[in-house]
Protein backbone atom coordinates (compact mmCIF):
# COMPACT_ATOMS: atom_id res chain seq x y z
CA UNK A 1 18.03 23.44 3.81
CA UNK A 2 20.93 25.64 4.71
CA UNK A 3 23.00 24.78 7.52
CA UNK A 4 25.87 27.80 8.36
CA UNK A 5 27.01 28.87 11.33
CA UNK A 6 26.97 32.22 9.71
CA UNK A 7 23.66 33.81 10.28
CA UNK A 8 24.81 35.99 6.80
CA UNK A 9 25.81 33.46 4.70
CA UNK A 10 25.33 33.58 0.96
CA UNK A 11 23.39 30.46 1.34
CA UNK A 12 20.50 32.09 2.46
CA UNK A 13 19.88 33.68 0.01
CA UNK A 14 19.03 30.27 -2.01
CA UNK A 15 17.39 28.45 0.41
CA UNK A 16 13.91 27.58 1.87
CA UNK A 17 14.85 27.10 5.31
CA UNK A 18 18.13 28.12 7.44
CA UNK A 19 19.71 25.93 10.46
CA UNK A 20 22.41 28.64 11.39
CA UNK A 21 23.36 27.80 14.99
CA UNK A 22 24.93 30.00 16.82
CA UNK A 23 28.11 29.10 17.86
CA UNK A 24 29.84 31.97 19.41
CA UNK A 25 33.81 33.26 19.17
CA UNK A 26 35.95 30.55 18.96
CA UNK A 27 38.51 29.53 21.81
CA UNK A 28 41.23 29.83 19.50
CA UNK A 29 41.42 33.34 17.61
CA UNK A 30 41.48 32.91 13.93
CA UNK A 31 40.10 29.31 13.80
CA UNK A 32 37.01 29.00 11.97
CA UNK A 33 36.35 25.04 12.33
CA UNK A 34 36.09 24.03 15.96
CA UNK A 35 32.95 24.90 17.49
CA UNK A 36 30.92 25.39 13.84
CA UNK A 37 32.57 21.54 13.18
CA UNK A 38 30.96 20.46 16.51
CA UNK A 39 27.86 22.26 16.06
CA UNK A 40 27.09 21.22 12.45
CA UNK A 41 27.86 17.47 13.53
CA UNK A 42 25.08 17.95 16.48
CA UNK A 43 22.61 19.78 14.26
CA UNK A 44 23.33 16.85 11.22
CA UNK A 45 22.95 14.12 13.70
CA UNK A 46 19.73 15.26 15.24
CA UNK A 47 18.29 15.69 11.03
CA UNK A 48 19.68 11.79 10.90
CA UNK A 49 18.48 10.49 13.98
CA UNK A 50 14.71 12.59 12.83
CA UNK A 51 14.74 11.06 9.54
CA UNK A 52 15.80 7.13 10.73
CA UNK A 53 12.68 7.59 13.59
CA UNK A 54 10.19 9.28 10.55
CA UNK A 55 10.96 6.47 7.95
CA UNK A 56 10.90 3.38 10.50
CA UNK A 57 14.21 2.35 11.24
CA UNK A 58 13.98 2.73 15.02
CA UNK A 59 11.29 0.89 18.01
CA UNK A 60 11.37 3.26 20.75
CA UNK A 61 15.02 3.98 21.50
CA UNK A 62 16.33 1.03 19.38
CA UNK A 63 17.82 0.61 15.57
CA UNK A 64 15.26 -1.99 14.47
CA UNK A 65 16.12 -1.78 10.62
CA UNK A 66 19.92 -3.42 10.89
CA UNK A 67 21.78 -6.04 9.03
CA UNK A 68 23.62 -8.44 11.49
CA UNK A 69 26.93 -8.53 9.25
CA UNK A 70 29.62 -9.07 11.92
CA UNK A 71 28.99 -11.20 15.78
CA UNK A 72 28.27 -7.71 17.66
CA UNK A 73 25.23 -7.41 15.34
CA UNK A 74 24.44 -10.97 15.78
CA UNK A 75 24.36 -10.88 19.53
CA UNK A 76 22.56 -7.58 19.34
CA UNK A 77 19.59 -8.49 16.81
CA UNK A 78 18.92 -11.74 18.86
CA UNK A 79 19.02 -9.47 22.16
CA UNK A 80 16.26 -7.14 20.57
CA UNK A 81 14.63 -9.97 19.54
CA UNK A 82 14.40 -11.43 22.98
CA UNK A 83 13.60 -7.85 24.57
CA UNK A 84 10.49 -7.29 22.33
CA UNK A 85 8.85 -10.40 21.91
CA UNK A 86 9.54 -12.16 25.59
CA UNK A 87 11.52 -15.05 24.25
CA UNK A 88 13.91 -17.19 25.38
CA UNK A 89 17.57 -17.23 23.89
CA UNK A 90 17.50 -20.28 22.03
CA UNK A 91 13.72 -19.25 20.59
CA UNK A 92 14.73 -16.33 19.79
CA UNK A 93 17.50 -17.52 17.57
CA UNK A 94 15.46 -19.86 16.08
CA UNK A 95 13.24 -17.54 14.75
CA UNK A 96 15.37 -15.00 13.55
CA UNK A 97 17.11 -18.32 12.01
CA UNK A 98 13.41 -18.82 10.02
CA UNK A 99 13.09 -15.37 9.03
CA UNK A 100 16.96 -14.98 7.12
CA UNK A 101 18.30 -13.14 9.66
CA UNK A 102 15.93 -9.80 9.21
CA UNK A 103 15.29 -8.39 12.89
CA UNK A 104 12.19 -6.72 12.13
CA UNK A 105 10.29 -10.07 11.02
CA UNK A 106 11.46 -11.95 13.54
CA UNK A 107 9.93 -9.43 15.69
CA UNK A 108 6.68 -9.24 14.29
CA UNK A 109 6.45 -13.16 13.39
CA UNK A 110 7.06 -13.43 17.12
CA UNK A 111 4.51 -10.86 18.47
CA UNK A 112 1.72 -11.45 16.00
CA UNK A 113 2.53 -15.38 16.04
CA UNK A 114 2.60 -15.47 12.13
CA UNK A 115 4.90 -16.96 9.51
CA UNK A 116 8.01 -15.41 8.27
CA UNK A 117 6.26 -14.55 5.19
CA UNK A 118 3.52 -13.47 6.53
CA UNK A 119 5.72 -10.88 8.77
CA UNK A 120 7.00 -9.90 5.85
CA UNK A 121 3.54 -8.88 3.86
CA UNK A 122 2.49 -7.12 7.28
CA UNK A 123 6.06 -5.20 7.17
CA UNK A 124 5.19 -3.92 4.15
CA UNK A 125 2.08 -2.77 4.33
CA UNK A 126 3.18 -0.98 7.56
CA UNK A 127 5.76 0.82 4.96
CA UNK A 128 8.84 -1.08 7.09
CA UNK A 129 7.32 0.40 10.48
CA UNK A 130 7.42 -2.26 13.23
CA UNK A 131 5.14 -0.73 15.34
CA UNK A 132 2.55 -0.67 12.90
CA UNK A 133 3.13 -3.98 11.73
CA UNK A 134 2.84 -5.67 15.20
CA UNK A 135 -0.05 -3.43 16.08
CA UNK A 136 -3.29 -5.85 15.41
CA UNK A 137 -6.40 -4.60 13.43
CA UNK A 138 -8.81 -3.87 16.61
CA UNK A 139 -5.98 -2.30 18.40
CA UNK A 140 -6.37 2.10 18.46
CA UNK A 141 -3.95 3.74 16.42
CA UNK A 142 -0.76 4.69 17.97
CA UNK A 143 -0.31 8.55 19.04
CA UNK A 144 2.67 10.06 17.17
CA UNK A 145 4.51 9.36 20.16
CA UNK A 146 5.82 6.45 20.76
CA UNK A 147 4.88 4.69 24.69
CA UNK A 148 8.05 3.63 26.42
CA UNK A 149 9.26 0.93 25.51
CA UNK A 150 7.94 -2.32 26.54
CA UNK A 151 4.41 -1.13 26.39
CA UNK A 152 3.12 -2.77 23.45
């Protein structure tokens, strides 16, 4: 994949797929990086966001594959467990503790009412995708688009 804000780039000759955002002339003549830099950042953000969704790092609009390495992230993981499991704060904290702070494991354990070990097995069988892991065997398969957050 090639990314260039110049459609005539030499990259066209070697890339299988080209992404060439049209940015138009710069506001400051002679500058070649203002709009192009912004466009490049936007394209890369879209690509990485899509990749995160495809590999199971998200659930709806929530990043659920994160390491709670500071107070802010510890609070966020607790809130996400509360939101996705319906558990009150104290129980969400306890579930996270039982699961070694692993957010997806805590959600699966709470949703499926299973031990952390079983939750890890369910996640592994689902290739780390939270939605697949919490979906029971008798539930119909999920469509490619995810239902609104909170719809289980």
